[in-house]
Amino acid sequence: MKTIMLACAGGMSSSLLVTRMKKAMVKRNLEFNIFATGADVIPDEYRKTHPEVILIGPQVSYMLAKVKPEVDVPIAVIDSKSYGLMDGEKVLDQALAMM
């Protein structure tokens, strides 16, 4: 099963987004493992879970340059508007486009 990792400052706000992404996934008859974590542990979680893509919250966008060399999968910042609205459909679209 393919995995999508979301990361934010503490993993809390992205947990709500994960819930909404899972609803969008079910509606589309797709199946992924989607989870949230804190941005400070992205490299460790990457090594443990081997996600296909990593999306990070806009509030930790500064981490992108630091983390990118440590992972070998597409990584991007979640669109600010989609993140602010907790739009699971749009963030799922972003992840699918990266795969």
C-alpha atoms as a PDB file:
ATOM      1  CA  MET A   1       0.000   0.000   0.000  1.00  0.00           C
ATOM      2  CA  LYS A   2       1.292   3.468  -0.879  1.00  0.00           C
ATOM      3  CA  THR A   3       1.928   5.938   1.923  1.00  0.00           C
ATOM      4  CA  ILE A   4       1.512   9.713   2.150  1.00  0.00           C
ATOM      5  CA  MET A   5       3.263  11.523   5.004  1.00  0.00           C
ATOM      6  CA  LEU A   6       2.115  14.937   6.228  1.00  0.00           C
ATOM      7  CA  ALA A   7       4.227  16.964   8.614  1.00  0.00           C
ATOM      8  CA  CYS A   8       3.588  20.163  10.549  1.00  0.00           C
ATOM      9  CA  ALA A   9       5.051  21.851  13.602  1.00  0.00           C
ATOM     10  CA  GLY A  10       3.722  19.253  16.039  1.00  0.00           C
ATOM     11  CA  GLY A  11       1.640  16.899  13.925  1.00  0.00           C
ATOM     12  CA  MET A  12      -1.636  18.146  15.417  1.00  0.00           C
ATOM     13  CA  SER A  13      -3.101  20.387  12.712  1.00  0.00           C
ATOM     14  CA  SER A  14      -2.033  17.981   9.999  1.00  0.00           C
ATOM     15  CA  SER A  15      -3.869  15.186  11.847  1.00  0.00           C
ATOM     16  CA  LEU A  16      -7.170  16.920  11.095  1.00  0.00           C
ATOM     17  CA  LEU A  17      -6.102  17.262   7.475  1.00  0.00           C
ATOM     18  CA  VAL A  18      -5.283  13.533   7.375  1.00  0.00           C
ATOM     19  CA  THR A  19      -8.846  12.769   8.503  1.00  0.00           C
ATOM     20  CA  ARG A  20     -10.249  14.907   5.694  1.00  0.00           C
ATOM     21  CA  MET A  21      -7.885  13.379   3.145  1.00  0.00           C
ATOM     22  CA  LYS A  22      -9.013   9.901   4.190  1.00  0.00           C
ATOM     23  CA  LYS A  23     -12.654  10.890   3.639  1.00  0.00           C
ATOM     24  CA  ALA A  24     -11.736  12.160   0.153  1.00  0.00           C
ATOM     25  CA  MET A  25      -9.818   8.956  -0.508  1.00  0.00           C
ATOM     26  CA  VAL A  26     -12.789   6.760   0.448  1.00  0.00           C
ATOM     27  CA  LYS A  27     -15.105   8.858  -1.717  1.00  0.00           C
ATOM     28  CA  ARG A  28     -12.794   8.255  -4.682  1.00  0.00           C
ATOM     29  CA  ASN A  29     -12.458   4.552  -3.928  1.00  0.00           C
ATOM     30  CA  LEU A  30      -8.705   4.885  -3.372  1.00  0.00           C
ATOM     31  CA  GLU A  31      -6.584   3.245  -0.711  1.00  0.00           C
ATOM     32  CA  PHE A  32      -3.502   4.831   0.845  1.00  0.00           C
ATOM     33  CA  ASN A  33      -1.840   4.897   4.215  1.00  0.00           C
ATOM     34  CA  ILE A  34      -1.932   8.587   5.209  1.00  0.00           C
ATOM     35  CA  PHE A  35      -0.416   9.793   8.462  1.00  0.00           C
ATOM     36  CA  ALA A  36       0.793  12.956  10.177  1.00  0.00           C
ATOM     37  CA  THR A  37       3.937  13.612  12.137  1.00  0.00           C
ATOM     38  CA  GLY A  38       6.000  16.482  13.470  1.00  0.00           C
ATOM     39  CA  ALA A  39       8.348  18.168  11.009  1.00  0.00           C
ATOM     40  CA  ASP A  40      11.315  17.660  13.328  1.00  0.00           C
ATOM     41  CA  VAL A  41      11.139  13.873  12.854  1.00  0.00           C
ATOM     42  CA  ILE A  42      10.595  13.705   9.078  1.00  0.00           C
ATOM     43  CA  PRO A  43      13.893  11.896   8.338  1.00  0.00           C
ATOM     44  CA  ASP A  44      13.269   9.281  11.050  1.00  0.00           C
ATOM     45  CA  GLU A  45       9.659   8.689   9.961  1.00  0.00           C
ATOM     46  CA  TYR A  46      10.776   8.525   6.339  1.00  0.00           C
ATOM     47  CA  ARG A  47      13.224   5.733   7.148  1.00  0.00           C
ATOM     48  CA  LYS A  48      10.569   3.856   9.152  1.00  0.00           C
ATOM     49  CA  THR A  49       7.606   4.163   6.791  1.00  0.00           C
ATOM     50  CA  HIS A  50       9.069   4.728   3.295  1.00  0.00           C
ATOM     51  CA  PRO A  51       6.293   7.045   2.034  1.00  0.00           C
ATOM     52  CA  GLU A  52       5.827   7.754  -1.670  1.00  0.00           C
ATOM     53  CA  VAL A  53       5.419  11.496  -0.997  1.00  0.00           C
ATOM     54  CA  ILE A  54       5.906  13.927   1.873  1.00  0.00           C
ATOM     55  CA  LEU A  55       3.838  17.085   2.281  1.00  0.00           C
ATOM     56  CA  ILE A  56       4.776  19.670   4.873  1.00  0.00           C
ATOM     57  CA  GLY A  57       2.610  22.380   6.372  1.00  0.00           C
ATOM     58  CA  PRO A  58       3.137  25.976   5.262  1.00  0.00           C
ATOM     59  CA  GLN A  59       4.116  26.996   8.800  1.00  0.00           C
ATOM     60  CA  VAL A  60       7.227  24.808   8.538  1.00  0.00           C
ATOM     61  CA  SER A  61       8.060  25.522   4.891  1.00  0.00           C
ATOM     62  CA  TYR A  62      11.510  26.644   6.023  1.00  0.00           C
ATOM     63  CA  MET A  63      12.253  22.945   6.743  1.00  0.00           C
ATOM     64  CA  LEU A  64      11.943  21.974   3.059  1.00  0.00           C
ATOM     65  CA  ALA A  65      15.536  22.879   2.116  1.00  0.00           C
ATOM     66  CA  LYS A  66      16.904  21.051   5.171  1.00  0.00           C
ATOM     67  CA  VAL A  67      14.875  17.868   4.755  1.00  0.00           C
ATOM     68  CA  LYS A  68      14.921  17.504   0.949  1.00  0.00           C
ATOM     69  CA  PRO A  69      18.499  16.116   0.784  1.00  0.00           C
ATOM     70  CA  GLU A  70      17.668  13.566   3.504  1.00  0.00           C
ATOM     71  CA  VAL A  71      14.812  11.880   1.621  1.00  0.00           C
ATOM     72  CA  ASP A  72      14.590  10.225  -1.762  1.00  0.00           C
ATOM     73  CA  VAL A  73      10.919  10.914  -2.550  1.00  0.00           C
ATOM     74  CA  PRO A  74       8.989  13.959  -3.764  1.00  0.00           C
ATOM     75  CA  ILE A  75       8.528  16.501  -0.967  1.00  0.00           C
ATOM     76  CA  ALA A  76       6.596  19.775  -1.143  1.00  0.00           C
ATOM     77  CA  VAL A  77       4.879  22.409   0.947  1.00  0.00           C
ATOM     78  CA  ILE A  78       1.088  22.056   1.152  1.00  0.00           C
ATOM     79  CA  ASP A  79      -0.725  24.875  -0.616  1.00  0.00           C
ATOM     80  CA  SER A  80      -1.461  27.531   2.047  1.00  0.00           C
ATOM     81  CA  LYS A  81      -5.098  28.020   1.059  1.00  0.00           C
ATOM     82  CA  SER A  82      -5.823  24.282   1.008  1.00  0.00           C
ATOM     83  CA  TYR A  83      -4.077  23.888   4.376  1.00  0.00           C
ATOM     84  CA  GLY A  84      -5.927  26.811   5.941  1.00  0.00           C
ATOM     85  CA  LEU A  85      -9.274  25.470   4.745  1.00  0.00           C
ATOM     86  CA  MET A  86      -8.298  21.899   5.718  1.00  0.00           C
ATOM     87  CA  ASP A  87      -9.321  20.902   2.178  1.00  0.00           C
ATOM     88  CA  GLY A  88      -8.595  17.182   2.107  1.00  0.00           C
ATOM     89  CA  GLU A  89      -9.666  16.878  -1.533  1.00  0.00           C
ATOM     90  CA  LYS A  90      -7.134  19.438  -2.755  1.00  0.00           C
ATOM     91  CA  VAL A  91      -4.284  18.153  -0.617  1.00  0.00           C
ATOM     92  CA  LEU A  92      -4.990  14.608  -1.787  1.00  0.00           C
ATOM     93  CA  ASP A  93      -4.871  15.936  -5.369  1.00  0.00           C
ATOM     94  CA  GLN A  94      -1.498  17.523  -4.620  1.00  0.00           C
ATOM     95  CA  ALA A  95      -0.132  14.248  -3.252  1.00  0.00           C
ATOM     96  CA  LEU A  96      -1.463  12.235  -6.207  1.00  0.00           C
ATOM     97  CA  ALA A  97       0.090  14.682  -8.678  1.00  0.00           C
ATOM     98  CA  MET A  98       3.463  14.202  -6.975  1.00  0.00           C
ATOM     99  CA  MET A  99       3.371  10.403  -7.216  1.00  0.00           C
END
